[in-house]
Amino acid sequence: MEGRIDHLTYDPVSERLFVCALGNNTVEVVDLRKGERIHSITGLGSPQGILYTRDLDRLFVANDKGGILKIYDGKSFQPLGELNLKDDADNVRYDGARKKVYVGFGSGGIGIVNAPDGKEIGSIKLSAHPEAFELEKNGRRIFVNVPNSRHVAVIDRDKGEVVARWQTDLVFGNFRWHLMKRIIDCLSGAVFRPSSSCLIRNRVR
């Protein structure tokens, strides 16, 4: 394997780790019990986002090149389908209760996929490319880092639209996101501060 890696996902039952080998244009499957690679999914285009769903035993792989979201069987790794999101498919998240997959892509959008059949059922417009985002566990919101617009977009999943924008003030490069329970309280003031207990991790360039 050559080049950099990107996102990872994990199957806790079989103890397999799925690694986006972006620089190698593959997804590498690692058996953590054996401590070895057991399979490579080839023919990808700079894979960067990945999601494994235990309930459906499926693997969703988001590719930068072409913006293709590819879907694979979790055992055989045979392709089950793909969606063309046009450009820069990136972070992938799963709402297990509603069986929906959310994929950030392009110059400003989150695609919504019906996980069981792999069909795109909608999209949510954003002002710029979404980086890391998280689904609210006990609610209906999605919190999305939009670094080029210097804010966190708050999406209502039921409405399928942005309902608030929390400005990041002087914090730049809010690519990665760690969501904690106290985020709701500390963001009620509508502005992020670098010293805030709300955590936006900055990419070091």
C-alpha atoms as a PDB file:
ATOM      1  CA  MET A   1       0.000   0.000   0.000  1.00  0.00           C
ATOM      2  CA  GLU A   2       1.284   3.455  -0.921  1.00  0.00           C
ATOM      3  CA  GLY A   3       0.364   7.009  -0.008  1.00  0.00           C
ATOM      4  CA  ARG A   4      -1.763   8.520   2.734  1.00  0.00           C
ATOM      5  CA  ILE A   5      -4.807   7.071   4.392  1.00  0.00           C
ATOM      6  CA  ASP A   6      -8.007   8.872   5.306  1.00  0.00           C
ATOM      7  CA  HIS A   7     -11.107   7.757   7.206  1.00  0.00           C
ATOM      8  CA  LEU A   8     -11.657   4.450   8.997  1.00  0.00           C
ATOM      9  CA  THR A   9     -14.673   2.415  10.064  1.00  0.00           C
ATOM     10  CA  TYR A  10     -14.949  -0.611  12.324  1.00  0.00           C
ATOM     11  CA  ASP A  11     -17.009  -3.784  12.627  1.00  0.00           C
ATOM     12  CA  PRO A  12     -16.961  -4.629  16.355  1.00  0.00           C
ATOM     13  CA  VAL A  13     -18.480  -8.097  15.861  1.00  0.00           C
ATOM     14  CA  SER A  14     -15.911  -9.506  13.443  1.00  0.00           C
ATOM     15  CA  GLU A  15     -13.211  -7.078  14.622  1.00  0.00           C
ATOM     16  CA  ARG A  16     -12.473  -5.869  11.136  1.00  0.00           C
ATOM     17  CA  LEU A  17     -11.083  -2.428  10.413  1.00  0.00           C
ATOM     18  CA  PHE A  18     -11.839  -0.806   7.046  1.00  0.00           C
ATOM     19  CA  VAL A  19      -9.262   1.769   5.962  1.00  0.00           C
ATOM     20  CA  CYS A  20      -9.560   4.325   3.158  1.00  0.00           C
ATOM     21  CA  ALA A  21      -6.152   4.096   1.491  1.00  0.00           C
ATOM     22  CA  LEU A  22      -6.696   7.333  -0.409  1.00  0.00           C
ATOM     23  CA  GLY A  23      -3.246   7.441  -1.998  1.00  0.00           C
ATOM     24  CA  ASN A  24      -3.557   3.831  -3.113  1.00  0.00           C
ATOM     25  CA  ASN A  25      -7.128   4.109  -4.490  1.00  0.00           C
ATOM     26  CA  THR A  26      -8.203   1.142  -2.369  1.00  0.00           C
ATOM     27  CA  VAL A  27     -10.029   0.226   0.797  1.00  0.00           C
ATOM     28  CA  GLU A  28      -7.973  -2.117   2.958  1.00  0.00           C
ATOM     29  CA  VAL A  29      -9.717  -4.629   5.205  1.00  0.00           C
ATOM     30  CA  VAL A  30      -7.738  -5.547   8.323  1.00  0.00           C
ATOM     31  CA  ASP A  31      -8.500  -8.452  10.643  1.00  0.00           C
ATOM     32  CA  LEU A  32      -7.580  -7.070  14.048  1.00  0.00           C
ATOM     33  CA  ARG A  33      -7.604 -10.510  15.669  1.00  0.00           C
ATOM     34  CA  LYS A  34      -4.984 -11.792  13.259  1.00  0.00           C
ATOM     35  CA  GLY A  35      -3.260  -8.439  12.888  1.00  0.00           C
ATOM     36  CA  GLU A  36      -3.171  -8.684   9.126  1.00  0.00           C
ATOM     37  CA  ARG A  37      -4.756  -7.384   5.969  1.00  0.00           C
ATOM     38  CA  ILE A  38      -7.286  -9.839   4.575  1.00  0.00           C
ATOM     39  CA  HIS A  39      -8.710  -8.028   1.552  1.00  0.00           C
ATOM     40  CA  SER A  40      -8.319  -4.993  -0.710  1.00  0.00           C
ATOM     41  CA  ILE A  41     -11.181  -3.298  -2.544  1.00  0.00           C
ATOM     42  CA  THR A  42      -9.623  -1.867  -5.692  1.00  0.00           C
ATOM     43  CA  GLY A  43     -10.664   0.441  -8.517  1.00  0.00           C
ATOM     44  CA  LEU A  44     -11.621   3.406  -6.341  1.00  0.00           C
ATOM     45  CA  GLY A  45     -10.991   7.104  -6.922  1.00  0.00           C
ATOM     46  CA  SER A  46      -9.237   8.585  -3.900  1.00  0.00           C
ATOM     47  CA  PRO A  47     -11.568   7.070  -1.291  1.00  0.00           C
ATOM     48  CA  GLN A  48     -11.833   9.347   1.708  1.00  0.00           C
ATOM     49  CA  GLY A  49     -15.098   8.652   3.567  1.00  0.00           C
ATOM     50  CA  ILE A  50     -16.254   5.229   4.709  1.00  0.00           C
ATOM     51  CA  LEU A  51     -19.069   3.692   6.729  1.00  0.00           C
ATOM     52  CA  TYR A  52     -19.829   0.124   7.780  1.00  0.00           C
ATOM     53  CA  THR A  53     -23.402  -0.674   8.845  1.00  0.00           C
ATOM     54  CA  ARG A  54     -23.596  -3.751  11.040  1.00  0.00           C
ATOM     55  CA  ASP A  55     -27.380  -4.129  10.730  1.00  0.00           C
ATOM     56  CA  LEU A  56     -27.268  -4.255   6.929  1.00  0.00           C
ATOM     57  CA  ASP A  57     -23.737  -5.653   6.656  1.00  0.00           C
ATOM     58  CA  ARG A  58     -22.847  -3.080   4.030  1.00  0.00           C
ATOM     59  CA  LEU A  59     -19.929  -0.841   3.316  1.00  0.00           C
ATOM     60  CA  PHE A  60     -20.391   2.679   1.920  1.00  0.00           C
ATOM     61  CA  VAL A  61     -17.283   4.278   0.372  1.00  0.00           C
ATOM     62  CA  ALA A  62     -17.179   7.961  -0.636  1.00  0.00           C
ATOM     63  CA  ASN A  63     -14.689   8.870  -3.364  1.00  0.00           C
ATOM     64  CA  ASP A  64     -13.135  12.256  -3.989  1.00  0.00           C
ATOM     65  CA  LYS A  65     -12.637  11.686  -7.732  1.00  0.00           C
ATOM     66  CA  GLY A  66     -15.958  11.868  -9.496  1.00  0.00           C
ATOM     67  CA  GLY A  67     -17.881  12.119  -6.226  1.00  0.00           C
ATOM     68  CA  ILE A  68     -18.970   8.487  -6.429  1.00  0.00           C
ATOM     69  CA  LEU A  69     -20.474   6.742  -3.400  1.00  0.00           C
ATOM     70  CA  LYS A  70     -19.911   2.999  -3.816  1.00  0.00           C
ATOM     71  CA  ILE A  71     -21.797   0.344  -1.867  1.00  0.00           C
ATOM     72  CA  TYR A  72     -20.431  -3.130  -1.117  1.00  0.00           C
ATOM     73  CA  ASP A  73     -21.590  -6.295   0.580  1.00  0.00           C
ATOM     74  CA  GLY A  74     -19.889  -6.525   3.961  1.00  0.00           C
ATOM     75  CA  LYS A  75     -18.920 -10.195   3.602  1.00  0.00           C
ATOM     76  CA  SER A  76     -18.129 -10.819  -0.047  1.00  0.00           C
ATOM     77  CA  PHE A  77     -17.173  -7.195  -0.841  1.00  0.00           C
ATOM     78  CA  GLN A  78     -19.067  -7.498  -4.088  1.00  0.00           C
ATOM     79  CA  PRO A  79     -20.397  -4.153  -5.390  1.00  0.00           C
ATOM     80  CA  LEU A  80     -24.099  -3.590  -4.769  1.00  0.00           C
ATOM     81  CA  GLY A  81     -24.487  -0.180  -6.374  1.00  0.00           C
ATOM     82  CA  GLU A  82     -23.206   3.351  -6.612  1.00  0.00           C
ATOM     83  CA  LEU A  83     -24.418   6.938  -6.593  1.00  0.00           C
ATOM     84  CA  ASN A  84     -22.945   9.837  -8.522  1.00  0.00           C
ATOM     85  CA  LEU A  85     -22.714  12.888  -6.250  1.00  0.00           C
ATOM     86  CA  LYS A  86     -20.697  14.710  -8.968  1.00  0.00           C
ATOM     87  CA  ASP A  87     -17.696  15.841  -6.909  1.00  0.00           C
ATOM     88  CA  ASP A  88     -15.694  15.293  -3.726  1.00  0.00           C
ATOM     89  CA  ALA A  89     -17.832  12.789  -1.790  1.00  0.00           C
ATOM     90  CA  ASP A  90     -16.353  12.860   1.689  1.00  0.00           C
ATOM     91  CA  ASN A  91     -17.685  12.255   5.204  1.00  0.00           C
ATOM     92  CA  VAL A  92     -20.335   9.558   5.695  1.00  0.00           C
ATOM     93  CA  ARG A  93     -22.695   9.109   8.664  1.00  0.00           C
ATOM     94  CA  TYR A  94     -25.529   6.699   9.473  1.00  0.00           C
ATOM     95  CA  ASP A  95     -28.890   7.160  11.129  1.00  0.00           C
ATOM     96  CA  GLY A  96     -29.576   3.570  12.138  1.00  0.00           C
ATOM     97  CA  ALA A  97     -33.082   4.251  13.447  1.00  0.00           C
ATOM     98  CA  ARG A  98     -34.215   5.695  10.109  1.00  0.00           C
ATOM     99  CA  LYS A  99     -31.882   3.609   7.948  1.00  0.00           C
ATOM    100  CA  LYS A 100     -30.501   6.702   6.220  1.00  0.00           C
ATOM    101  CA  VAL A 101     -26.937   7.424   5.151  1.00  0.00           C
ATOM    102  CA  TYR A 102     -25.723  11.036   4.966  1.00  0.00           C
ATOM    103  CA  VAL A 103     -22.820  11.956   2.667  1.00  0.00           C
ATOM    104  CA  GLY A 104     -21.062  15.306   2.451  1.00  0.00           C
ATOM    105  CA  PHE A 105     -20.067  16.266  -1.087  1.00  0.00           C
ATOM    106  CA  GLY A 106     -19.093  18.919  -3.584  1.00  0.00           C
ATOM    107  CA  SER A 107     -19.126  22.664  -3.119  1.00  0.00           C
ATOM    108  CA  GLY A 108     -21.890  22.484  -0.563  1.00  0.00           C
ATOM    109  CA  GLY A 109     -24.240  19.590  -0.001  1.00  0.00           C
ATOM    110  CA  ILE A 110     -25.181  16.555   2.057  1.00  0.00           C
ATOM    111  CA  GLY A 111     -26.773  13.711   0.144  1.00  0.00           C
ATOM    112  CA  ILE A 112     -29.383  11.506   1.800  1.00  0.00           C
ATOM    113  CA  VAL A 113     -29.392   7.828   0.889  1.00  0.00           C
ATOM    114  CA  ASN A 114     -31.921   5.149   1.795  1.00  0.00           C
ATOM    115  CA  ALA A 115     -29.517   2.551   3.159  1.00  0.00           C
ATOM    116  CA  PRO A 116     -31.453  -0.673   2.418  1.00  0.00           C
ATOM    117  CA  ASP A 117     -31.766  -0.072  -1.332  1.00  0.00           C
ATOM    118  CA  GLY A 118     -28.924   2.407  -1.850  1.00  0.00           C
ATOM    119  CA  LYS A 119     -31.131   5.012  -3.539  1.00  0.00           C
ATOM    120  CA  GLU A 120     -30.608   8.755  -3.144  1.00  0.00           C
ATOM    121  CA  ILE A 121     -33.732  10.240  -1.610  1.00  0.00           C
ATOM    122  CA  GLY A 122     -32.726  13.854  -1.129  1.00  0.00           C
ATOM    123  CA  SER A 123     -30.010  16.401  -0.481  1.00  0.00           C
ATOM    124  CA  ILE A 124     -29.429  19.399   1.754  1.00  0.00           C
ATOM    125  CA  LYS A 125     -27.837  22.560   0.388  1.00  0.00           C
ATOM    126  CA  LEU A 126     -24.929  24.191   2.231  1.00  0.00           C
ATOM    127  CA  SER A 127     -22.936  27.353   1.534  1.00  0.00           C
ATOM    128  CA  ALA A 128     -19.620  25.518   0.980  1.00  0.00           C
ATOM    129  CA  HIS A 129     -18.054  22.065   1.156  1.00  0.00           C
ATOM    130  CA  PRO A 130     -18.941  20.195   4.370  1.00  0.00           C
ATOM    131  CA  GLU A 131     -16.161  18.661   6.381  1.00  0.00           C
ATOM    132  CA  ALA A 132     -16.806  16.522   9.466  1.00  0.00           C
ATOM    133  CA  PHE A 133     -20.367  16.376  10.760  1.00  0.00           C
ATOM    134  CA  GLU A 134     -22.266  14.550  13.470  1.00  0.00           C
ATOM    135  CA  LEU A 135     -25.856  13.390  13.900  1.00  0.00           C
ATOM    136  CA  GLU A 136     -27.513  14.341  17.162  1.00  0.00           C
ATOM    137  CA  LYS A 137     -28.118  11.055  18.993  1.00  0.00           C
ATOM    138  CA  ASN A 138     -31.194  12.080  20.941  1.00  0.00           C
ATOM    139  CA  GLY A 139     -32.593  14.615  18.530  1.00  0.00           C
ATOM    140  CA  ARG A 140     -33.098  15.415  14.887  1.00  0.00           C
ATOM    141  CA  ARG A 141     -30.239  17.822  14.202  1.00  0.00           C
ATOM    142  CA  ILE A 142     -27.012  17.446  12.239  1.00  0.00           C
ATOM    143  CA  PHE A 143     -24.019  19.626  13.127  1.00  0.00           C
ATOM    144  CA  VAL A 144     -21.800  20.315  10.098  1.00  0.00           C
ATOM    145  CA  ASN A 145     -18.388  21.962   9.949  1.00  0.00           C
ATOM    146  CA  VAL A 146     -18.332  24.353   6.972  1.00  0.00           C
ATOM    147  CA  PRO A 147     -14.810  25.800   7.252  1.00  0.00           C
ATOM    148  CA  ASN A 148     -14.790  27.865   4.059  1.00  0.00           C
ATOM    149  CA  SER A 149     -17.826  29.755   5.338  1.00  0.00           C
ATOM    150  CA  ARG A 150     -16.440  29.864   8.898  1.00  0.00           C
ATOM    151  CA  HIS A 151     -19.477  28.412  10.588  1.00  0.00           C
ATOM    152  CA  VAL A 152     -21.134  25.265  11.867  1.00  0.00           C
ATOM    153  CA  ALA A 153     -24.392  24.600  10.043  1.00  0.00           C
ATOM    154  CA  VAL A 154     -27.230  23.147  12.078  1.00  0.00           C
ATOM    155  CA  ILE A 155     -29.573  20.996  10.002  1.00  0.00           C
ATOM    156  CA  ASP A 156     -33.030  19.797  10.954  1.00  0.00           C
ATOM    157  CA  ARG A 157     -33.244  16.234   9.611  1.00  0.00           C
ATOM    158  CA  ASP A 158     -37.043  16.287   9.481  1.00  0.00           C
ATOM    159  CA  LYS A 159     -37.168  19.537   7.517  1.00  0.00           C
ATOM    160  CA  GLY A 160     -34.118  18.699   5.411  1.00  0.00           C
ATOM    161  CA  GLU A 161     -32.722  22.227   5.698  1.00  0.00           C
ATOM    162  CA  VAL A 162     -30.303  24.440   7.588  1.00  0.00           C
ATOM    163  CA  VAL A 163     -32.054  26.027  10.569  1.00  0.00           C
ATOM    164  CA  ALA A 164     -29.095  27.830  12.182  1.00  0.00           C
ATOM    165  CA  ARG A 165     -25.499  28.844  11.532  1.00  0.00           C
ATOM    166  CA  TRP A 166     -23.058  29.097  14.443  1.00  0.00           C
ATOM    167  CA  GLN A 167     -20.197  31.384  13.477  1.00  0.00           C
ATOM    168  CA  THR A 168     -16.689  30.160  14.308  1.00  0.00           C
ATOM    169  CA  ASP A 169     -15.352  33.703  14.707  1.00  0.00           C
ATOM    170  CA  LEU A 170     -11.525  33.589  14.429  1.00  0.00           C
ATOM    171  CA  VAL A 171     -11.286  29.800  14.436  1.00  0.00           C
ATOM    172  CA  PHE A 172     -10.105  28.620  11.018  1.00  0.00           C
ATOM    173  CA  GLY A 173      -9.932  25.158   9.504  1.00  0.00           C
ATOM    174  CA  ASN A 174     -12.688  23.520  11.521  1.00  0.00           C
ATOM    175  CA  PHE A 175     -12.420  20.249   9.627  1.00  0.00           C
ATOM    176  CA  ARG A 176     -12.754  17.618  12.322  1.00  0.00           C
ATOM    177  CA  TRP A 177     -15.526  17.527  14.858  1.00  0.00           C
ATOM    178  CA  HIS A 178     -15.979  15.986  18.277  1.00  0.00           C
ATOM    179  CA  LEU A 179     -19.509  16.316  19.589  1.00  0.00           C
ATOM    180  CA  MET A 180     -20.080  16.284  23.341  1.00  0.00           C
ATOM    181  CA  LYS A 181     -23.258  16.745  25.356  1.00  0.00           C
ATOM    182  CA  ARG A 182     -22.267  20.199  26.573  1.00  0.00           C
ATOM    183  CA  ILE A 183     -22.018  21.524  23.014  1.00  0.00           C
ATOM    184  CA  ILE A 184     -25.686  22.480  22.975  1.00  0.00           C
ATOM    185  CA  ASP A 185     -25.368  24.644  26.063  1.00  0.00           C
ATOM    186  CA  CYS A 186     -22.139  26.363  25.136  1.00  0.00           C
ATOM    187  CA  LEU A 187     -23.275  27.130  21.590  1.00  0.00           C
ATOM    188  CA  SER A 188     -26.448  28.853  22.659  1.00  0.00           C
ATOM    189  CA  GLY A 189     -24.494  32.109  22.494  1.00  0.00           C
ATOM    190  CA  ALA A 190     -24.135  31.642  18.709  1.00  0.00           C
ATOM    191  CA  VAL A 191     -20.381  32.370  18.460  1.00  0.00           C
ATOM    192  CA  PHE A 192     -17.444  30.000  18.838  1.00  0.00           C
ATOM    193  CA  ARG A 193     -14.322  31.129  20.650  1.00  0.00           C
ATOM    194  CA  PRO A 194     -10.964  29.361  20.481  1.00  0.00           C
ATOM    195  CA  SER A 195     -11.035  29.064  24.272  1.00  0.00           C
ATOM    196  CA  SER A 196     -14.583  27.727  24.366  1.00  0.00           C
ATOM    197  CA  SER A 197     -15.327  24.386  25.968  1.00  0.00           C
ATOM    198  CA  CYS A 198     -17.085  23.575  22.716  1.00  0.00           C
ATOM    199  CA  LEU A 199     -14.487  21.641  20.811  1.00  0.00           C
ATOM    200  CA  ILE A 200     -13.573  22.443  17.223  1.00  0.00           C
ATOM    201  CA  ARG A 201     -10.313  20.766  16.334  1.00  0.00           C
ATOM    202  CA  ASN A 202      -8.236  22.634  13.792  1.00  0.00           C
ATOM    203  CA  ARG A 203      -6.250  21.038  11.034  1.00  0.00           C
ATOM    204  CA  VAL A 204      -2.545  21.854  11.244  1.00  0.00           C
ATOM    205  CA  ARG A 205      -1.357  22.967   7.829  1.00  0.00           C
END
